N, C-alpha and C. Protein backbone atom coordinates (compact mmCIF):
# COMPACT_ATOMS: atom_id res chain seq x y z
N MET A 1 0.82 -1.20 0.00
CA MET A 1 0.00 0.00 0.00
C MET A 1 0.86 1.27 0.00
N LEU A 2 1.86 1.35 0.88
CA LEU A 2 2.72 2.52 0.92
C LEU A 2 3.53 2.69 -0.35
N ILE A 3 4.02 1.61 -0.92
CA ILE A 3 4.80 1.68 -2.15
C ILE A 3 3.93 2.18 -3.30
N GLY A 4 2.70 1.71 -3.39
CA GLY A 4 1.77 2.17 -4.42
C GLY A 4 1.48 3.65 -4.31
N GLU A 5 1.30 4.14 -3.07
CA GLU A 5 1.07 5.58 -2.86
C GLU A 5 2.30 6.39 -3.25
N PHE A 6 3.49 5.87 -2.89
CA PHE A 6 4.73 6.55 -3.23
C PHE A 6 4.90 6.66 -4.75
N VAL A 7 4.62 5.59 -5.46
CA VAL A 7 4.73 5.59 -6.93
C VAL A 7 3.73 6.59 -7.51
N HIS A 8 2.53 6.65 -6.97
CA HIS A 8 1.51 7.60 -7.45
C HIS A 8 1.98 9.04 -7.22
N ILE A 9 2.53 9.31 -6.03
CA ILE A 9 3.02 10.67 -5.72
C ILE A 9 4.19 11.03 -6.63
N LEU A 10 5.07 10.07 -6.87
CA LEU A 10 6.22 10.30 -7.75
C LEU A 10 5.77 10.64 -9.16
N ARG A 11 4.81 9.90 -9.69
CA ARG A 11 4.29 10.18 -11.05
C ARG A 11 3.64 11.56 -11.10
N ALA A 12 2.85 11.88 -10.08
CA ALA A 12 2.18 13.19 -10.02
C ALA A 12 3.23 14.30 -9.95
N SER A 13 4.30 14.09 -9.18
CA SER A 13 5.36 15.10 -9.06
C SER A 13 6.04 15.33 -10.40
N LYS A 14 6.32 14.25 -11.12
CA LYS A 14 6.96 14.39 -12.43
C LYS A 14 6.07 15.19 -13.39
N LEU A 15 4.77 14.90 -13.36
CA LEU A 15 3.84 15.63 -14.22
C LEU A 15 3.79 17.10 -13.83
N PHE A 16 3.79 17.38 -12.52
CA PHE A 16 3.75 18.76 -12.05
C PHE A 16 5.00 19.51 -12.51
N ILE A 17 6.17 18.88 -12.38
CA ILE A 17 7.42 19.52 -12.78
C ILE A 17 7.43 19.79 -14.28
N GLN A 18 6.98 18.83 -15.08
CA GLN A 18 6.92 19.04 -16.53
C GLN A 18 5.97 20.18 -16.87
N PHE A 19 4.83 20.23 -16.20
CA PHE A 19 3.86 21.30 -16.42
C PHE A 19 4.45 22.64 -16.01
N PHE A 20 5.10 22.70 -14.84
CA PHE A 20 5.68 23.93 -14.32
C PHE A 20 6.78 24.45 -15.25
N LYS A 21 7.60 23.55 -15.79
CA LYS A 21 8.68 23.96 -16.68
C LYS A 21 8.16 24.58 -17.97
N LYS A 22 6.96 24.16 -18.40
CA LYS A 22 6.38 24.76 -19.61
C LYS A 22 5.82 26.14 -19.32
N ILE A 23 5.31 26.34 -18.11
CA ILE A 23 4.74 27.64 -17.75
C ILE A 23 5.85 28.66 -17.48
N ILE A 24 6.81 28.28 -16.66
CA ILE A 24 7.92 29.16 -16.31
C ILE A 24 9.22 28.41 -16.57
N PRO A 25 9.75 28.53 -17.77
CA PRO A 25 10.99 27.82 -18.10
C PRO A 25 12.16 28.25 -17.21
N LEU A 26 12.97 27.29 -16.84
CA LEU A 26 14.14 27.54 -16.01
C LEU A 26 15.41 27.29 -16.82
N LYS A 27 16.45 28.03 -16.51
CA LYS A 27 17.75 27.85 -17.16
C LYS A 27 18.82 27.90 -16.09
N LEU A 28 19.85 27.07 -16.27
CA LEU A 28 20.99 27.06 -15.37
C LEU A 28 22.20 27.56 -16.15
N PHE A 29 22.82 28.64 -15.66
CA PHE A 29 23.99 29.22 -16.31
C PHE A 29 25.20 29.10 -15.41
N LYS A 30 26.35 28.75 -16.01
CA LYS A 30 27.62 28.81 -15.29
C LYS A 30 28.19 30.20 -15.51
N ILE A 31 28.53 30.86 -14.42
CA ILE A 31 29.00 32.24 -14.49
C ILE A 31 30.49 32.26 -14.82
N ARG A 32 30.83 33.10 -15.79
CA ARG A 32 32.23 33.32 -16.15
C ARG A 32 32.50 34.82 -15.98
N GLY A 33 33.43 35.13 -15.12
CA GLY A 33 33.76 36.53 -14.86
C GLY A 33 33.49 36.88 -13.40
N SER A 34 33.92 38.08 -13.04
CA SER A 34 33.83 38.48 -11.64
C SER A 34 33.10 39.80 -11.44
N SER A 35 32.29 40.20 -12.39
CA SER A 35 31.61 41.50 -12.28
C SER A 35 30.58 41.53 -11.16
N MET A 36 30.11 40.36 -10.72
CA MET A 36 29.11 40.30 -9.65
C MET A 36 29.71 39.84 -8.32
N PHE A 37 31.05 39.79 -8.24
CA PHE A 37 31.73 39.40 -7.01
C PHE A 37 31.49 40.43 -5.93
N PRO A 38 31.24 40.06 -4.70
CA PRO A 38 31.28 38.73 -4.10
C PRO A 38 29.93 38.01 -4.04
N LEU A 39 28.87 38.59 -4.59
CA LEU A 39 27.57 37.93 -4.56
C LEU A 39 27.57 36.68 -5.41
N ILE A 40 28.09 36.79 -6.63
CA ILE A 40 28.21 35.65 -7.54
C ILE A 40 29.67 35.62 -7.99
N CYS A 41 30.28 34.45 -7.89
CA CYS A 41 31.71 34.33 -8.22
C CYS A 41 31.90 33.54 -9.51
N ASP A 42 33.05 33.73 -10.11
CA ASP A 42 33.42 32.99 -11.30
C ASP A 42 33.31 31.49 -11.02
N GLY A 43 32.59 30.77 -11.87
CA GLY A 43 32.41 29.33 -11.69
C GLY A 43 31.14 28.93 -10.97
N ASP A 44 30.43 29.89 -10.37
CA ASP A 44 29.16 29.58 -9.71
C ASP A 44 28.11 29.24 -10.76
N TYR A 45 27.11 28.49 -10.35
CA TYR A 45 25.96 28.20 -11.21
C TYR A 45 24.77 28.97 -10.67
N VAL A 46 24.06 29.65 -11.57
CA VAL A 46 22.88 30.42 -11.17
C VAL A 46 21.67 29.89 -11.92
N LEU A 47 20.61 29.64 -11.17
CA LEU A 47 19.34 29.18 -11.74
C LEU A 47 18.47 30.39 -12.00
N PHE A 48 17.99 30.50 -13.23
CA PHE A 48 17.16 31.62 -13.65
C PHE A 48 15.78 31.11 -14.07
N ARG A 49 14.78 31.97 -13.91
CA ARG A 49 13.45 31.70 -14.47
C ARG A 49 13.17 32.75 -15.53
N SER A 50 12.37 32.37 -16.49
CA SER A 50 12.03 33.31 -17.57
C SER A 50 11.25 34.50 -17.02
N VAL A 51 11.51 35.65 -17.61
CA VAL A 51 10.73 36.85 -17.28
C VAL A 51 9.39 36.73 -17.99
N THR A 52 8.33 37.00 -17.28
CA THR A 52 6.99 36.97 -17.87
C THR A 52 6.47 38.40 -18.00
N ARG A 53 5.41 38.55 -18.72
CA ARG A 53 4.84 39.90 -18.89
C ARG A 53 4.25 40.43 -17.59
N PHE A 54 4.08 39.57 -16.59
CA PHE A 54 3.52 39.99 -15.31
C PHE A 54 4.59 40.42 -14.31
N ASP A 55 5.85 40.20 -14.66
CA ASP A 55 6.95 40.54 -13.75
C ASP A 55 7.11 42.05 -13.66
N LYS A 56 7.35 42.51 -12.44
CA LYS A 56 7.69 43.90 -12.21
C LYS A 56 9.16 43.93 -11.82
N LEU A 57 10.01 44.30 -12.76
CA LEU A 57 11.45 44.33 -12.50
C LEU A 57 11.77 45.52 -11.61
N GLU A 58 12.60 45.27 -10.58
CA GLU A 58 12.90 46.31 -9.61
C GLU A 58 14.37 46.27 -9.21
N TYR A 59 14.78 47.34 -8.51
CA TYR A 59 16.13 47.41 -7.97
C TYR A 59 16.41 46.17 -7.11
N GLY A 60 17.55 45.56 -7.34
CA GLY A 60 17.93 44.38 -6.57
C GLY A 60 17.72 43.08 -7.30
N ASP A 61 16.98 43.10 -8.40
CA ASP A 61 16.83 41.87 -9.19
C ASP A 61 18.14 41.59 -9.92
N VAL A 62 18.56 40.33 -9.89
CA VAL A 62 19.72 39.90 -10.67
C VAL A 62 19.18 39.28 -11.94
N VAL A 63 19.61 39.80 -13.08
CA VAL A 63 19.01 39.41 -14.35
C VAL A 63 20.06 38.98 -15.37
N GLN A 64 19.60 38.20 -16.34
CA GLN A 64 20.43 37.82 -17.49
C GLN A 64 19.92 38.63 -18.66
N ILE A 65 20.85 39.26 -19.35
CA ILE A 65 20.53 40.18 -20.44
C ILE A 65 21.26 39.75 -21.70
N LYS A 66 20.61 39.92 -22.82
CA LYS A 66 21.31 39.76 -24.10
C LYS A 66 21.67 41.17 -24.56
N HIS A 67 22.93 41.54 -24.33
CA HIS A 67 23.40 42.89 -24.64
C HIS A 67 23.97 42.92 -26.06
N CYS A 68 23.70 44.00 -26.79
CA CYS A 68 24.12 44.08 -28.19
C CYS A 68 25.65 44.08 -28.35
N ASP A 69 26.41 44.59 -27.38
CA ASP A 69 27.86 44.62 -27.48
C ASP A 69 28.57 43.52 -26.69
N PHE A 70 27.99 43.13 -25.55
CA PHE A 70 28.67 42.21 -24.64
C PHE A 70 28.08 40.80 -24.63
N GLY A 71 27.03 40.56 -25.39
CA GLY A 71 26.41 39.24 -25.42
C GLY A 71 25.58 38.98 -24.17
N ASN A 72 25.51 37.71 -23.75
CA ASN A 72 24.75 37.35 -22.55
C ASN A 72 25.54 37.73 -21.31
N ILE A 73 24.95 38.61 -20.50
CA ILE A 73 25.61 39.06 -19.27
C ILE A 73 24.63 38.97 -18.10
N VAL A 74 25.19 38.85 -16.91
CA VAL A 74 24.40 38.81 -15.67
C VAL A 74 24.74 40.07 -14.90
N LYS A 75 23.71 40.84 -14.56
CA LYS A 75 23.90 42.11 -13.87
C LYS A 75 22.79 42.33 -12.84
N LEU A 76 22.99 43.36 -12.04
CA LEU A 76 22.04 43.78 -11.01
C LEU A 76 21.26 44.98 -11.53
N ILE A 77 19.95 44.95 -11.36
CA ILE A 77 19.15 46.13 -11.75
C ILE A 77 19.40 47.23 -10.73
N ASP A 78 19.82 48.38 -11.24
CA ASP A 78 20.19 49.53 -10.42
C ASP A 78 19.12 50.62 -10.45
N SER A 79 18.41 50.74 -11.57
CA SER A 79 17.35 51.73 -11.71
C SER A 79 16.35 51.24 -12.74
N VAL A 80 15.13 51.73 -12.63
CA VAL A 80 14.05 51.27 -13.51
C VAL A 80 13.22 52.47 -13.95
N ASP A 81 12.89 52.52 -15.23
CA ASP A 81 11.87 53.46 -15.70
C ASP A 81 10.80 52.67 -16.44
N ARG A 82 9.95 53.33 -17.16
CA ARG A 82 8.80 52.66 -17.77
C ARG A 82 9.18 51.60 -18.80
N VAL A 83 10.22 51.85 -19.60
CA VAL A 83 10.55 50.93 -20.70
C VAL A 83 11.95 50.31 -20.61
N SER A 84 12.78 50.79 -19.68
CA SER A 84 14.15 50.28 -19.63
C SER A 84 14.64 50.20 -18.19
N VAL A 85 15.82 49.57 -18.03
CA VAL A 85 16.45 49.47 -16.72
C VAL A 85 17.93 49.83 -16.84
N GLY A 86 18.46 50.36 -15.76
CA GLY A 86 19.89 50.56 -15.64
C GLY A 86 20.45 49.36 -14.89
N VAL A 87 21.54 48.81 -15.36
CA VAL A 87 22.12 47.64 -14.72
C VAL A 87 23.59 47.90 -14.40
N LYS A 88 24.11 47.14 -13.46
CA LYS A 88 25.52 47.27 -13.10
C LYS A 88 26.01 45.97 -12.50
N GLY A 89 27.31 45.83 -12.46
CA GLY A 89 27.94 44.75 -11.72
C GLY A 89 28.22 45.24 -10.32
N ILE A 90 28.52 44.33 -9.42
CA ILE A 90 28.79 44.71 -8.04
C ILE A 90 30.27 45.03 -7.85
N SER A 91 31.12 44.33 -8.54
CA SER A 91 32.56 44.51 -8.41
C SER A 91 32.97 45.87 -8.95
N THR A 92 34.01 46.43 -8.35
CA THR A 92 34.54 47.70 -8.85
C THR A 92 35.20 47.53 -10.22
N LEU A 93 35.50 46.28 -10.59
CA LEU A 93 36.11 46.01 -11.89
C LEU A 93 35.08 45.86 -13.01
N SER A 94 33.80 45.89 -12.66
CA SER A 94 32.73 45.70 -13.63
C SER A 94 32.54 46.94 -14.51
N ILE A 95 31.97 46.72 -15.66
CA ILE A 95 31.58 47.83 -16.55
C ILE A 95 30.47 48.62 -15.86
N ASP A 96 30.57 49.94 -15.90
CA ASP A 96 29.58 50.76 -15.21
C ASP A 96 28.28 50.90 -16.01
N THR A 97 27.26 51.41 -15.34
CA THR A 97 25.94 51.57 -15.94
C THR A 97 26.00 52.47 -17.18
N TYR A 98 26.79 53.51 -17.12
CA TYR A 98 26.89 54.44 -18.24
C TYR A 98 27.41 53.74 -19.49
N SER A 99 28.43 52.89 -19.32
CA SER A 99 29.00 52.17 -20.47
C SER A 99 28.05 51.14 -21.05
N LEU A 100 27.27 50.50 -20.19
CA LEU A 100 26.32 49.49 -20.65
C LEU A 100 25.10 50.15 -21.30
N GLY A 101 24.78 51.36 -20.87
CA GLY A 101 23.59 52.03 -21.37
C GLY A 101 22.34 51.48 -20.71
N TYR A 102 21.24 52.14 -20.94
CA TYR A 102 19.97 51.62 -20.41
C TYR A 102 19.50 50.47 -21.29
N ILE A 103 19.02 49.44 -20.66
CA ILE A 103 18.64 48.21 -21.34
C ILE A 103 17.13 48.16 -21.50
N PRO A 104 16.62 47.98 -22.71
CA PRO A 104 15.17 47.81 -22.87
C PRO A 104 14.70 46.58 -22.08
N LYS A 105 13.56 46.71 -21.43
CA LYS A 105 13.05 45.58 -20.65
C LYS A 105 12.88 44.33 -21.51
N SER A 106 12.64 44.51 -22.79
CA SER A 106 12.47 43.37 -23.69
C SER A 106 13.76 42.57 -23.88
N ASP A 107 14.92 43.15 -23.53
CA ASP A 107 16.20 42.44 -23.63
C ASP A 107 16.55 41.65 -22.38
N ILE A 108 15.71 41.75 -21.36
CA ILE A 108 15.92 40.98 -20.13
C ILE A 108 15.12 39.70 -20.25
N HIS A 109 15.82 38.59 -20.28
CA HIS A 109 15.18 37.31 -20.53
C HIS A 109 14.96 36.47 -19.28
N TYR A 110 15.83 36.60 -18.29
CA TYR A 110 15.76 35.75 -17.10
C TYR A 110 16.04 36.54 -15.84
N VAL A 111 15.42 36.10 -14.73
CA VAL A 111 15.67 36.64 -13.40
C VAL A 111 16.22 35.51 -12.53
N ALA A 112 17.29 35.80 -11.79
CA ALA A 112 17.93 34.78 -10.95
C ALA A 112 17.02 34.41 -9.78
N ILE A 113 16.96 33.10 -9.51
CA ILE A 113 16.18 32.64 -8.36
C ILE A 113 17.01 31.85 -7.36
N ALA A 114 18.17 31.33 -7.77
CA ALA A 114 19.00 30.56 -6.84
C ALA A 114 20.43 30.51 -7.36
N ILE A 115 21.34 30.25 -6.44
CA ILE A 115 22.75 30.13 -6.79
C ILE A 115 23.32 28.87 -6.13
N PHE A 116 24.14 28.19 -6.89
CA PHE A 116 24.91 27.05 -6.40
C PHE A 116 26.36 27.51 -6.44
N SER A 117 26.91 27.82 -5.28
CA SER A 117 28.20 28.48 -5.21
C SER A 117 29.33 27.50 -4.96
N ASN A 118 30.44 27.73 -5.64
CA ASN A 118 31.66 26.99 -5.40
C ASN A 118 32.58 27.73 -4.44
N SER A 119 32.18 28.91 -4.00
CA SER A 119 33.09 29.80 -3.28
C SER A 119 32.57 30.12 -1.89
N GLN A 120 32.41 29.12 -1.07
CA GLN A 120 31.89 29.32 0.29
C GLN A 120 32.81 30.19 1.14
N ARG A 121 34.09 30.25 0.79
CA ARG A 121 35.02 30.99 1.64
C ARG A 121 34.66 32.48 1.71
N TYR A 122 33.98 33.01 0.71
CA TYR A 122 33.63 34.43 0.71
C TYR A 122 32.35 34.72 1.50
N LEU A 123 31.50 33.73 1.65
CA LEU A 123 30.25 33.90 2.37
C LEU A 123 30.12 32.79 3.41
N PRO A 124 30.93 32.82 4.48
CA PRO A 124 30.92 31.71 5.43
C PRO A 124 29.56 31.55 6.11
N GLY A 125 29.21 30.31 6.34
CA GLY A 125 27.98 30.00 7.05
C GLY A 125 26.74 29.99 6.19
N ILE A 126 26.82 30.48 4.97
CA ILE A 126 25.63 30.52 4.12
C ILE A 126 25.48 29.19 3.38
N GLY A 127 26.59 28.57 3.06
CA GLY A 127 26.52 27.30 2.35
C GLY A 127 26.60 27.50 0.85
N SER A 128 26.48 26.39 0.15
CA SER A 128 26.69 26.46 -1.29
C SER A 128 25.42 26.71 -2.08
N PHE A 129 24.25 26.70 -1.44
CA PHE A 129 22.99 26.94 -2.14
C PHE A 129 22.28 28.10 -1.47
N ARG A 130 21.86 29.09 -2.27
CA ARG A 130 21.11 30.23 -1.74
C ARG A 130 19.97 30.55 -2.67
N ILE A 131 18.87 30.97 -2.10
CA ILE A 131 17.72 31.46 -2.87
C ILE A 131 17.92 32.95 -3.07
N PHE A 132 17.67 33.41 -4.29
CA PHE A 132 17.75 34.84 -4.60
C PHE A 132 16.36 35.46 -4.55
N THR A 133 16.25 36.53 -3.82
CA THR A 133 15.11 37.43 -3.95
C THR A 133 15.70 38.83 -4.02
N ARG A 134 14.96 39.78 -4.51
CA ARG A 134 15.52 41.14 -4.57
C ARG A 134 15.82 41.64 -3.16
N PHE A 135 15.04 41.15 -2.17
CA PHE A 135 15.24 41.60 -0.79
C PHE A 135 16.53 41.00 -0.20
N SER A 136 16.83 39.75 -0.53
CA SER A 136 18.07 39.15 -0.02
C SER A 136 19.28 39.81 -0.69
N VAL A 137 19.16 40.16 -1.95
CA VAL A 137 20.25 40.84 -2.65
C VAL A 137 20.44 42.24 -2.07
N GLN A 138 19.34 42.96 -1.83
CA GLN A 138 19.44 44.30 -1.24
C GLN A 138 20.08 44.23 0.14
N ALA A 139 19.71 43.23 0.94
CA ALA A 139 20.30 43.07 2.28
C ALA A 139 21.79 42.76 2.16
N PHE A 140 22.16 41.92 1.20
CA PHE A 140 23.57 41.62 0.97
C PHE A 140 24.34 42.88 0.62
N LEU A 141 23.78 43.70 -0.28
CA LEU A 141 24.46 44.94 -0.68
C LEU A 141 24.61 45.89 0.49
N GLU A 142 23.59 46.00 1.33
CA GLU A 142 23.67 46.86 2.53
C GLU A 142 24.74 46.34 3.47
N HIS A 143 24.81 45.02 3.65
CA HIS A 143 25.80 44.42 4.54
C HIS A 143 27.21 44.67 4.02
N THR A 144 27.43 44.53 2.73
CA THR A 144 28.77 44.74 2.19
C THR A 144 29.16 46.23 2.26
N ARG A 145 28.19 47.12 2.16
CA ARG A 145 28.51 48.56 2.31
C ARG A 145 28.96 48.86 3.74
N CYS A 146 28.37 48.16 4.71
CA CYS A 146 28.75 48.36 6.12
C CYS A 146 30.17 47.88 6.39
N LEU A 147 30.63 46.91 5.60
CA LEU A 147 31.98 46.38 5.80
C LEU A 147 33.05 47.27 5.19
N ASP A 148 32.67 48.16 4.28
CA ASP A 148 33.65 49.05 3.62
C ASP A 148 34.23 50.05 4.59
């Protein structure tokens, strides 16, 4: 009886995951570069979900952008207006918002939802898996400003 229920739950879970992936597609990207250090480090894996027309992009969202000059990049939303966003990296070595220009919202394809980090030494006690929300990113940025 228990095995039959387990198999039923497992089948239902697989169907739910397949259905969910069609509604909100997920992508896993390996990060190359250090523009988002120390939040995201070179070699980390970041899980993104597709941006939908219902999303309200705001300061603190970590997004994947298809930039006309730099290709696919991961940046932090720094400012938002009606049709575009200003983005930046966290590292002082990153390209600044002025150089990147304002990005049309239509060029933002994914929003980060989780990170699988290889670099625990920079964020002790947090572990190798973290959930991203704009609030957790904002808190991280405030904390790092306090350390300066």
